[in-house]
Amino acid sequence: MKEVVKVRISGIAFALDRDGYDVVRAYLDKLEEGYAKNPDGREIIADIEARIAELILDKQGTERVVGVELAEEVVSRLGFPDEIDAPE
C-alpha cells in the first residue's frame, strides 16, 4: 500500500500517493525557483496552482487518490517556466 499525502492545491483538498505528491511538489518548487525574481511571480504561481487543481478535478474521475500518472500528465501539460516564457 502506498503512502497517501493530503494537500491543498489552490484551496482544494486532494489526496495524492507519495509518488504523485513528489511530482507535484518538485514542479511547484521549480516554478517558485523560476519565478522568484519576477515581481508577479506569486500571482503567476497561484494561477498555475489553480490550473493544476482544475486539471486534476477534470481528469480524476472516480479515483479518490491522485496517482503519479495523473500528476505527470498535469505537469507535462502545463510546462516549466523556461518553456512557458520561451520566445516563439
N, C-alpha and C. Protein backbone atom coordinates (compact mmCIF):
# COMPACT_ATOMS: atom_id res chain seq x y z
N MET A 1 0.85 -1.17 0.00
CA MET A 1 0.00 0.00 0.00
C MET A 1 0.90 1.24 0.00
N LYS A 2 0.57 2.18 -0.89
CA LYS A 2 1.36 3.40 -0.98
C LYS A 2 0.92 4.41 0.06
N GLU A 3 1.89 5.20 0.51
CA GLU A 3 1.59 6.29 1.43
C GLU A 3 0.76 7.34 0.70
N VAL A 4 -0.23 7.90 1.38
CA VAL A 4 -1.08 8.94 0.81
C VAL A 4 -0.80 10.24 1.55
N VAL A 5 -0.64 11.32 0.77
CA VAL A 5 -0.36 12.63 1.32
C VAL A 5 -1.56 13.52 1.01
N LYS A 6 -2.10 14.16 2.03
CA LYS A 6 -3.23 15.07 1.84
C LYS A 6 -2.69 16.49 1.73
N VAL A 7 -3.09 17.17 0.66
CA VAL A 7 -2.61 18.53 0.40
C VAL A 7 -3.76 19.41 -0.07
N ARG A 8 -3.52 20.71 -0.02
CA ARG A 8 -4.45 21.68 -0.59
C ARG A 8 -3.74 22.33 -1.77
N ILE A 9 -4.38 22.29 -2.90
CA ILE A 9 -3.88 22.95 -4.09
C ILE A 9 -4.92 23.99 -4.48
N SER A 10 -4.53 25.23 -4.39
CA SER A 10 -5.45 26.34 -4.68
C SER A 10 -6.71 26.25 -3.83
N GLY A 11 -6.53 25.85 -2.57
CA GLY A 11 -7.64 25.80 -1.63
C GLY A 11 -8.51 24.55 -1.72
N ILE A 12 -8.19 23.63 -2.60
CA ILE A 12 -8.97 22.40 -2.78
C ILE A 12 -8.18 21.24 -2.21
N ALA A 13 -8.82 20.42 -1.39
CA ALA A 13 -8.16 19.29 -0.76
C ALA A 13 -8.03 18.12 -1.75
N PHE A 14 -6.84 17.55 -1.78
CA PHE A 14 -6.56 16.38 -2.62
C PHE A 14 -5.78 15.36 -1.80
N ALA A 15 -5.94 14.10 -2.16
CA ALA A 15 -5.12 13.02 -1.62
C ALA A 15 -4.27 12.52 -2.78
N LEU A 16 -2.96 12.58 -2.60
CA LEU A 16 -2.03 12.12 -3.64
C LEU A 16 -1.21 10.97 -3.08
N ASP A 17 -0.93 9.98 -3.93
CA ASP A 17 0.00 8.96 -3.46
C ASP A 17 1.38 9.62 -3.39
N ARG A 18 2.28 9.02 -2.67
CA ARG A 18 3.59 9.63 -2.41
C ARG A 18 4.30 10.01 -3.71
N ASP A 19 4.25 9.14 -4.71
CA ASP A 19 4.93 9.43 -5.98
C ASP A 19 4.28 10.62 -6.69
N GLY A 20 2.97 10.67 -6.69
CA GLY A 20 2.26 11.78 -7.30
C GLY A 20 2.56 13.08 -6.58
N TYR A 21 2.60 13.03 -5.25
CA TYR A 21 2.94 14.21 -4.46
C TYR A 21 4.34 14.70 -4.81
N ASP A 22 5.28 13.78 -4.90
CA ASP A 22 6.66 14.17 -5.22
C ASP A 22 6.74 14.88 -6.57
N VAL A 23 5.97 14.42 -7.55
CA VAL A 23 5.95 15.05 -8.88
C VAL A 23 5.41 16.47 -8.78
N VAL A 24 4.28 16.63 -8.10
CA VAL A 24 3.66 17.96 -7.99
C VAL A 24 4.54 18.89 -7.15
N ARG A 25 5.09 18.40 -6.06
CA ARG A 25 5.94 19.23 -5.19
C ARG A 25 7.19 19.69 -5.96
N ALA A 26 7.82 18.78 -6.69
CA ALA A 26 9.01 19.15 -7.46
C ALA A 26 8.65 20.19 -8.51
N TYR A 27 7.50 20.06 -9.13
CA TYR A 27 7.04 21.01 -10.14
C TYR A 27 6.83 22.39 -9.51
N LEU A 28 6.14 22.42 -8.39
CA LEU A 28 5.89 23.71 -7.72
C LEU A 28 7.19 24.34 -7.23
N ASP A 29 8.12 23.53 -6.75
CA ASP A 29 9.43 24.06 -6.34
C ASP A 29 10.16 24.68 -7.54
N LYS A 30 10.08 24.01 -8.68
CA LYS A 30 10.72 24.52 -9.90
C LYS A 30 10.06 25.84 -10.33
N LEU A 31 8.74 25.93 -10.22
CA LEU A 31 8.04 27.17 -10.54
C LEU A 31 8.48 28.30 -9.62
N GLU A 32 8.56 28.02 -8.33
CA GLU A 32 8.98 29.04 -7.37
C GLU A 32 10.39 29.52 -7.68
N GLU A 33 11.26 28.61 -8.04
CA GLU A 33 12.62 28.97 -8.41
C GLU A 33 12.63 29.80 -9.69
N GLY A 34 11.83 29.39 -10.66
CA GLY A 34 11.80 30.06 -11.95
C GLY A 34 11.19 31.45 -11.91
N TYR A 35 10.24 31.67 -11.00
CA TYR A 35 9.56 32.96 -10.92
C TYR A 35 9.99 33.79 -9.71
N ALA A 36 11.05 33.37 -9.02
CA ALA A 36 11.49 34.05 -7.81
C ALA A 36 11.81 35.53 -8.04
N LYS A 37 12.38 35.86 -9.17
CA LYS A 37 12.79 37.25 -9.43
C LYS A 37 11.73 38.05 -10.17
N ASN A 38 10.64 37.41 -10.52
CA ASN A 38 9.56 38.09 -11.23
C ASN A 38 8.66 38.78 -10.21
N PRO A 39 8.42 40.08 -10.35
CA PRO A 39 7.57 40.77 -9.37
C PRO A 39 6.15 40.21 -9.30
N ASP A 40 5.69 39.59 -10.36
CA ASP A 40 4.37 38.98 -10.39
C ASP A 40 4.42 37.47 -10.13
N GLY A 41 5.57 36.98 -9.67
CA GLY A 41 5.79 35.55 -9.52
C GLY A 41 4.77 34.84 -8.65
N ARG A 42 4.43 35.41 -7.50
CA ARG A 42 3.46 34.77 -6.60
C ARG A 42 2.09 34.63 -7.27
N GLU A 43 1.70 35.67 -7.98
CA GLU A 43 0.40 35.64 -8.67
C GLU A 43 0.41 34.61 -9.80
N ILE A 44 1.50 34.54 -10.53
CA ILE A 44 1.63 33.57 -11.61
C ILE A 44 1.55 32.15 -11.06
N ILE A 45 2.26 31.91 -9.97
CA ILE A 45 2.26 30.58 -9.36
C ILE A 45 0.87 30.23 -8.84
N ALA A 46 0.19 31.19 -8.23
CA ALA A 46 -1.18 30.95 -7.74
C ALA A 46 -2.10 30.59 -8.89
N ASP A 47 -1.94 31.25 -10.04
CA ASP A 47 -2.76 30.93 -11.21
C ASP A 47 -2.45 29.52 -11.72
N ILE A 48 -1.19 29.16 -11.73
CA ILE A 48 -0.80 27.82 -12.18
C ILE A 48 -1.32 26.76 -11.21
N GLU A 49 -1.26 27.04 -9.90
CA GLU A 49 -1.81 26.10 -8.92
C GLU A 49 -3.31 25.91 -9.14
N ALA A 50 -4.01 26.99 -9.44
CA ALA A 50 -5.45 26.88 -9.72
C ALA A 50 -5.68 25.99 -10.94
N ARG A 51 -4.84 26.13 -11.94
CA ARG A 51 -4.97 25.30 -13.14
C ARG A 51 -4.64 23.84 -12.84
N ILE A 52 -3.66 23.60 -11.98
CA ILE A 52 -3.33 22.23 -11.57
C ILE A 52 -4.57 21.59 -10.93
N ALA A 53 -5.19 22.31 -10.00
CA ALA A 53 -6.37 21.80 -9.32
C ALA A 53 -7.49 21.52 -10.32
N GLU A 54 -7.69 22.44 -11.26
CA GLU A 54 -8.73 22.27 -12.28
C GLU A 54 -8.47 21.04 -13.13
N LEU A 55 -7.24 20.86 -13.58
CA LEU A 55 -6.91 19.70 -14.41
C LEU A 55 -7.08 18.39 -13.65
N ILE A 56 -6.67 18.37 -12.40
CA ILE A 56 -6.83 17.16 -11.60
C ILE A 56 -8.31 16.83 -11.45
N LEU A 57 -9.11 17.84 -11.12
CA LEU A 57 -10.54 17.60 -10.95
C LEU A 57 -11.18 17.11 -12.25
N ASP A 58 -10.75 17.66 -13.38
CA ASP A 58 -11.29 17.25 -14.67
C ASP A 58 -10.93 15.81 -15.02
N LYS A 59 -9.72 15.40 -14.67
CA LYS A 59 -9.21 14.09 -15.09
C LYS A 59 -9.35 13.00 -14.03
N GLN A 60 -9.60 13.39 -12.80
CA GLN A 60 -9.56 12.44 -11.69
C GLN A 60 -10.62 11.35 -11.78
N GLY A 61 -11.79 11.67 -12.28
CA GLY A 61 -12.85 10.67 -12.37
C GLY A 61 -13.27 10.18 -11.00
N THR A 62 -13.42 8.87 -10.87
CA THR A 62 -13.88 8.30 -9.61
C THR A 62 -12.74 7.96 -8.66
N GLU A 63 -11.53 8.13 -9.12
CA GLU A 63 -10.37 7.83 -8.27
C GLU A 63 -10.32 8.81 -7.10
N ARG A 64 -10.10 8.31 -5.93
CA ARG A 64 -10.02 9.17 -4.76
C ARG A 64 -8.59 9.66 -4.52
N VAL A 65 -7.62 8.90 -4.96
CA VAL A 65 -6.22 9.26 -4.74
C VAL A 65 -5.59 9.55 -6.09
N VAL A 66 -4.92 10.70 -6.16
CA VAL A 66 -4.24 11.09 -7.39
C VAL A 66 -2.93 10.32 -7.47
N GLY A 67 -2.75 9.59 -8.55
CA GLY A 67 -1.56 8.80 -8.74
C GLY A 67 -0.50 9.53 -9.53
N VAL A 68 0.64 8.91 -9.64
CA VAL A 68 1.78 9.52 -10.32
C VAL A 68 1.47 9.76 -11.80
N GLU A 69 0.71 8.88 -12.43
CA GLU A 69 0.41 9.04 -13.85
C GLU A 69 -0.34 10.34 -14.11
N LEU A 70 -1.37 10.61 -13.30
CA LEU A 70 -2.13 11.84 -13.46
C LEU A 70 -1.29 13.06 -13.12
N ALA A 71 -0.49 12.97 -12.08
CA ALA A 71 0.38 14.08 -11.69
C ALA A 71 1.35 14.41 -12.82
N GLU A 72 1.95 13.40 -13.42
CA GLU A 72 2.89 13.62 -14.53
C GLU A 72 2.18 14.19 -15.75
N GLU A 73 0.96 13.73 -16.02
CA GLU A 73 0.19 14.25 -17.14
C GLU A 73 -0.10 15.75 -16.97
N VAL A 74 -0.50 16.13 -15.77
CA VAL A 74 -0.81 17.53 -15.49
C VAL A 74 0.45 18.39 -15.64
N VAL A 75 1.55 17.94 -15.06
CA VAL A 75 2.80 18.70 -15.13
C VAL A 75 3.27 18.84 -16.57
N SER A 76 3.21 17.77 -17.33
CA SER A 76 3.68 17.84 -18.72
C SER A 76 2.77 18.75 -19.55
N ARG A 77 1.51 18.79 -19.23
CA ARG A 77 0.57 19.65 -19.96
C ARG A 77 0.84 21.13 -19.69
N LEU A 78 1.23 21.46 -18.46
CA LEU A 78 1.44 22.85 -18.09
C LEU A 78 2.81 23.39 -18.50
N GLY A 79 3.83 22.58 -18.46
CA GLY A 79 5.17 23.02 -18.83
C GLY A 79 5.89 23.70 -17.68
N PHE A 80 7.16 23.96 -17.88
CA PHE A 80 8.02 24.58 -16.87
C PHE A 80 8.27 26.04 -17.23
N PRO A 81 8.74 26.85 -16.28
CA PRO A 81 8.93 28.28 -16.54
C PRO A 81 9.76 28.58 -17.78
N ASP A 82 10.83 27.84 -18.01
CA ASP A 82 11.67 28.10 -19.17
C ASP A 82 10.94 27.76 -20.47
N GLU A 83 9.98 26.83 -20.42
CA GLU A 83 9.17 26.51 -21.59
C GLU A 83 8.02 27.51 -21.77
N ILE A 84 7.45 27.92 -20.65
CA ILE A 84 6.31 28.83 -20.69
C ILE A 84 6.71 30.19 -21.22
N ASP A 85 7.84 30.71 -20.76
CA ASP A 85 8.29 32.05 -21.11
C ASP A 85 9.21 32.09 -22.33
N ALA A 86 9.47 30.95 -22.93
CA ALA A 86 10.39 30.90 -24.09
C ALA A 86 9.79 31.65 -25.28
N PRO A 87 10.62 32.44 -25.96
CA PRO A 87 10.12 33.13 -27.15
C PRO A 87 9.80 32.14 -28.25
N GLU A 88 8.80 32.46 -29.04
CA GLU A 88 8.36 31.58 -30.13
C GLU A 88 9.38 31.61 -31.27
